[in-house]
Amino acid sequence: MSQPNPTSINNRENRQAERVSTDRPVQLTHDSQKHQAKMINLSTTGVGILSNFKLDDSQNIQIDFELPFYDDYTSVKLQGTVIHCTPVRGQYLLGVALNNLNKHQTLVMENFIKFKTQPKQ
């Protein structure tokens, strides 16, 4: 009998929140440095980001971006901790756990996730 794949378990069954794919520009700030990157997925507990810069695991970063919110866009500024930084095709895939979301940030992100996951009509 085969053993369960721990990676599969950690990446699927243990997720704390629904995750959606996206393609959004973000600005990362760490150690007083800023650079542009691309968010490729989003949940209320974490984000996946493609970056040209390698960041250390456990590094705290700020992530700035915009999300549609009703009939407008709203700026979102989040604090997170790098969980992993994996080389991918000349870039780095960052897995970032989000820290201390406030109610407004959570509402904006939940609204976006709901929009992205609703059936197309």
C-alpha atoms as a PDB file:
ATOM      1  CA  MET A   1       0.000   0.000   0.000  1.00  0.00           C
ATOM      2  CA  SER A   2       1.419   3.379  -0.965  1.00  0.00           C
ATOM      3  CA  GLN A   3       1.991   6.161   1.519  1.00  0.00           C
ATOM      4  CA  PRO A   4       0.280   9.529   1.021  1.00  0.00           C
ATOM      5  CA  ASN A   5       2.386  12.175  -0.639  1.00  0.00           C
ATOM      6  CA  PRO A   6       3.156  14.774   2.073  1.00  0.00           C
ATOM      7  CA  THR A   7       3.495  17.518  -0.519  1.00  0.00           C
ATOM      8  CA  SER A   8       0.031  16.724  -1.861  1.00  0.00           C
ATOM      9  CA  ILE A   9      -1.420  16.752   1.626  1.00  0.00           C
ATOM     10  CA  ASN A  10       0.229  20.049   2.555  1.00  0.00           C
ATOM     11  CA  ASN A  11      -0.725  21.761  -0.686  1.00  0.00           C
ATOM     12  CA  ARG A  12      -4.354  20.675  -0.867  1.00  0.00           C
ATOM     13  CA  GLU A  13      -6.054  19.222   2.151  1.00  0.00           C
ATOM     14  CA  ASN A  14      -4.330  21.481   4.686  1.00  0.00           C
ATOM     15  CA  ARG A  15      -5.072  24.751   2.898  1.00  0.00           C
ATOM     16  CA  GLN A  16      -6.897  27.078   5.235  1.00  0.00           C
ATOM     17  CA  ALA A  17      -8.606  29.182   2.554  1.00  0.00           C
ATOM     18  CA  GLU A  18      -9.754  28.994  -1.041  1.00  0.00           C
ATOM     19  CA  ARG A  19      -7.098  30.090  -3.515  1.00  0.00           C
ATOM     20  CA  VAL A  20      -7.691  31.649  -6.943  1.00  0.00           C
ATOM     21  CA  SER A  21      -5.365  32.183  -9.872  1.00  0.00           C
ATOM     22  CA  THR A  22      -4.651  35.732 -10.914  1.00  0.00           C
ATOM     23  CA  ASP A  23      -2.147  37.748 -12.923  1.00  0.00           C
ATOM     24  CA  ARG A  24      -1.632  41.048 -11.118  1.00  0.00           C
ATOM     25  CA  PRO A  25       1.332  43.365 -10.792  1.00  0.00           C
ATOM     26  CA  VAL A  26       2.520  43.858  -7.232  1.00  0.00           C
ATOM     27  CA  GLN A  27       5.209  45.899  -5.545  1.00  0.00           C
ATOM     28  CA  LEU A  28       7.283  44.072  -2.952  1.00  0.00           C
ATOM     29  CA  THR A  29       9.086  45.967  -0.206  1.00  0.00           C
ATOM     30  CA  HIS A  30      11.738  44.297   1.930  1.00  0.00           C
ATOM     31  CA  ASP A  31      14.768  45.693   3.723  1.00  0.00           C
ATOM     32  CA  SER A  32      13.888  49.198   2.404  1.00  0.00           C
ATOM     33  CA  GLN A  33      14.120  47.878  -1.185  1.00  0.00           C
ATOM     34  CA  LYS A  34      11.194  47.929  -3.618  1.00  0.00           C
ATOM     35  CA  HIS A  35      10.723  45.939  -6.781  1.00  0.00           C
ATOM     36  CA  GLN A  36       7.957  44.883  -9.124  1.00  0.00           C
ATOM     37  CA  ALA A  37       6.699  41.302  -9.307  1.00  0.00           C
ATOM     38  CA  LYS A  38       3.613  39.366 -10.412  1.00  0.00           C
ATOM     39  CA  MET A  39       1.009  37.786  -8.151  1.00  0.00           C
ATOM     40  CA  ILE A  40      -0.115  34.444  -9.625  1.00  0.00           C
ATOM     41  CA  ASN A  41      -2.511  33.285  -6.907  1.00  0.00           C
ATOM     42  CA  LEU A  42      -4.287  34.696  -3.909  1.00  0.00           C
ATOM     43  CA  SER A  43      -6.159  33.549  -0.822  1.00  0.00           C
ATOM     44  CA  THR A  44      -6.995  35.229   2.467  1.00  0.00           C
ATOM     45  CA  THR A  45      -4.085  33.378   4.086  1.00  0.00           C
ATOM     46  CA  GLY A  46      -1.356  33.675   1.452  1.00  0.00           C
ATOM     47  CA  VAL A  47      -0.203  34.621  -2.024  1.00  0.00           C
ATOM     48  CA  GLY A  48       1.961  33.134  -4.745  1.00  0.00           C
ATOM     49  CA  ILE A  49       4.306  35.621  -6.410  1.00  0.00           C
ATOM     50  CA  LEU A  50       6.758  35.390  -9.320  1.00  0.00           C
ATOM     51  CA  SER A  51       9.777  37.595  -8.678  1.00  0.00           C
ATOM     52  CA  ASN A  52      13.108  38.302 -10.352  1.00  0.00           C
ATOM     53  CA  PHE A  53      14.657  38.534  -6.894  1.00  0.00           C
ATOM     54  CA  LYS A  54      15.434  35.730  -4.478  1.00  0.00           C
ATOM     55  CA  LEU A  55      14.147  36.295  -0.968  1.00  0.00           C
ATOM     56  CA  ASP A  56      15.044  34.349   2.143  1.00  0.00           C
ATOM     57  CA  ASP A  57      12.570  32.044   3.849  1.00  0.00           C
ATOM     58  CA  SER A  58      11.079  33.721   6.954  1.00  0.00           C
ATOM     59  CA  GLN A  59      11.763  37.178   5.494  1.00  0.00           C
ATOM     60  CA  ASN A  60       9.026  39.718   6.222  1.00  0.00           C
ATOM     61  CA  ILE A  61       7.781  41.680   3.223  1.00  0.00           C
ATOM     62  CA  GLN A  62       5.118  44.199   2.284  1.00  0.00           C
ATOM     63  CA  ILE A  63       2.962  43.529  -0.783  1.00  0.00           C
ATOM     64  CA  ASP A  64       1.146  46.427  -2.508  1.00  0.00           C
ATOM     65  CA  PHE A  65      -1.407  45.895  -5.288  1.00  0.00           C
ATOM     66  CA  GLU A  66      -4.913  46.795  -6.433  1.00  0.00           C
ATOM     67  CA  LEU A  67      -8.027  44.642  -6.604  1.00  0.00           C
ATOM     68  CA  PRO A  68     -11.391  45.401  -8.167  1.00  0.00           C
ATOM     69  CA  PHE A  69     -13.929  46.194  -5.470  1.00  0.00           C
ATOM     70  CA  TYR A  70     -17.482  46.744  -6.628  1.00  0.00           C
ATOM     71  CA  ASP A  71     -17.327  49.439  -9.353  1.00  0.00           C
ATOM     72  CA  ASP A  72     -13.811  50.630  -8.599  1.00  0.00           C
ATOM     73  CA  TYR A  73     -10.344  49.446  -7.600  1.00  0.00           C
ATOM     74  CA  THR A  74      -8.953  49.580  -4.109  1.00  0.00           C
ATOM     75  CA  SER A  75      -5.331  49.590  -3.013  1.00  0.00           C
ATOM     76  CA  VAL A  76      -4.308  46.694  -0.815  1.00  0.00           C
ATOM     77  CA  LYS A  77      -1.197  46.802   1.359  1.00  0.00           C
ATOM     78  CA  LEU A  78      -0.393  43.504   3.078  1.00  0.00           C
ATOM     79  CA  GLN A  79       2.311  42.230   5.410  1.00  0.00           C
ATOM     80  CA  GLY A  80       3.583  38.707   4.885  1.00  0.00           C
ATOM     81  CA  THR A  81       6.318  36.213   5.595  1.00  0.00           C
ATOM     82  CA  VAL A  82       8.115  34.268   2.862  1.00  0.00           C
ATOM     83  CA  ILE A  83       7.433  30.559   3.417  1.00  0.00           C
ATOM     84  CA  HIS A  84       9.382  29.327   0.410  1.00  0.00           C
ATOM     85  CA  CYS A  85      11.389  30.726  -2.501  1.00  0.00           C
ATOM     86  CA  THR A  86      11.689  28.246  -5.371  1.00  0.00           C
ATOM     87  CA  PRO A  87      13.687  28.835  -8.595  1.00  0.00           C
ATOM     88  CA  VAL A  88      11.401  28.602 -11.648  1.00  0.00           C
ATOM     89  CA  ARG A  89      12.612  29.340 -15.212  1.00  0.00           C
ATOM     90  CA  GLY A  90      15.003  32.128 -14.278  1.00  0.00           C
ATOM     91  CA  GLN A  91      12.667  33.643 -11.689  1.00  0.00           C
ATOM     92  CA  TYR A  92      11.594  32.786  -8.161  1.00  0.00           C
ATOM     93  CA  LEU A  93       8.213  31.516  -7.003  1.00  0.00           C
ATOM     94  CA  LEU A  94       7.506  32.975  -3.578  1.00  0.00           C
ATOM     95  CA  GLY A  95       4.967  31.432  -1.254  1.00  0.00           C
ATOM     96  CA  VAL A  96       3.985  34.131   1.206  1.00  0.00           C
ATOM     97  CA  ALA A  97       1.864  33.668   4.338  1.00  0.00           C
ATOM     98  CA  LEU A  98      -0.150  36.793   5.107  1.00  0.00           C
ATOM     99  CA  ASN A  99       0.061  38.362   8.559  1.00  0.00           C
ATOM    100  CA  ASN A 100      -2.639  40.208  10.505  1.00  0.00           C
ATOM    101  CA  LEU A 101      -5.218  41.059   7.837  1.00  0.00           C
ATOM    102  CA  ASN A 102      -7.666  43.705   8.971  1.00  0.00           C
ATOM    103  CA  LYS A 103     -11.412  43.467   8.280  1.00  0.00           C
ATOM    104  CA  HIS A 104     -11.275  45.713   5.209  1.00  0.00           C
ATOM    105  CA  GLN A 105      -8.409  43.753   3.619  1.00  0.00           C
ATOM    106  CA  THR A 106     -10.238  40.491   4.283  1.00  0.00           C
ATOM    107  CA  LEU A 107     -13.482  41.860   2.802  1.00  0.00           C
ATOM    108  CA  VAL A 108     -11.776  43.109  -0.373  1.00  0.00           C
ATOM    109  CA  MET A 109      -9.947  39.815  -0.890  1.00  0.00           C
ATOM    110  CA  GLU A 110     -13.011  37.672  -0.151  1.00  0.00           C
ATOM    111  CA  ASN A 111     -15.041  39.753  -2.614  1.00  0.00           C
ATOM    112  CA  PHE A 112     -12.397  39.212  -5.325  1.00  0.00           C
ATOM    113  CA  ILE A 113     -12.183  35.461  -4.626  1.00  0.00           C
ATOM    114  CA  LYS A 114     -15.975  35.146  -4.739  1.00  0.00           C
ATOM    115  CA  PHE A 115     -16.040  36.985  -8.083  1.00  0.00           C
ATOM    116  CA  LYS A 116     -13.306  34.732  -9.522  1.00  0.00           C
ATOM    117  CA  THR A 117     -14.988  31.505  -8.386  1.00  0.00           C
ATOM    118  CA  GLN A 118     -18.600  32.248  -9.315  1.00  0.00           C
ATOM    119  CA  PRO A 119     -19.936  30.345 -12.339  1.00  0.00           C
ATOM    120  CA  LYS A 120     -19.751  32.251 -15.625  1.00  0.00           C
ATOM    121  CA  GLN A 121     -23.132  33.131 -17.085  1.00  0.00           C
END
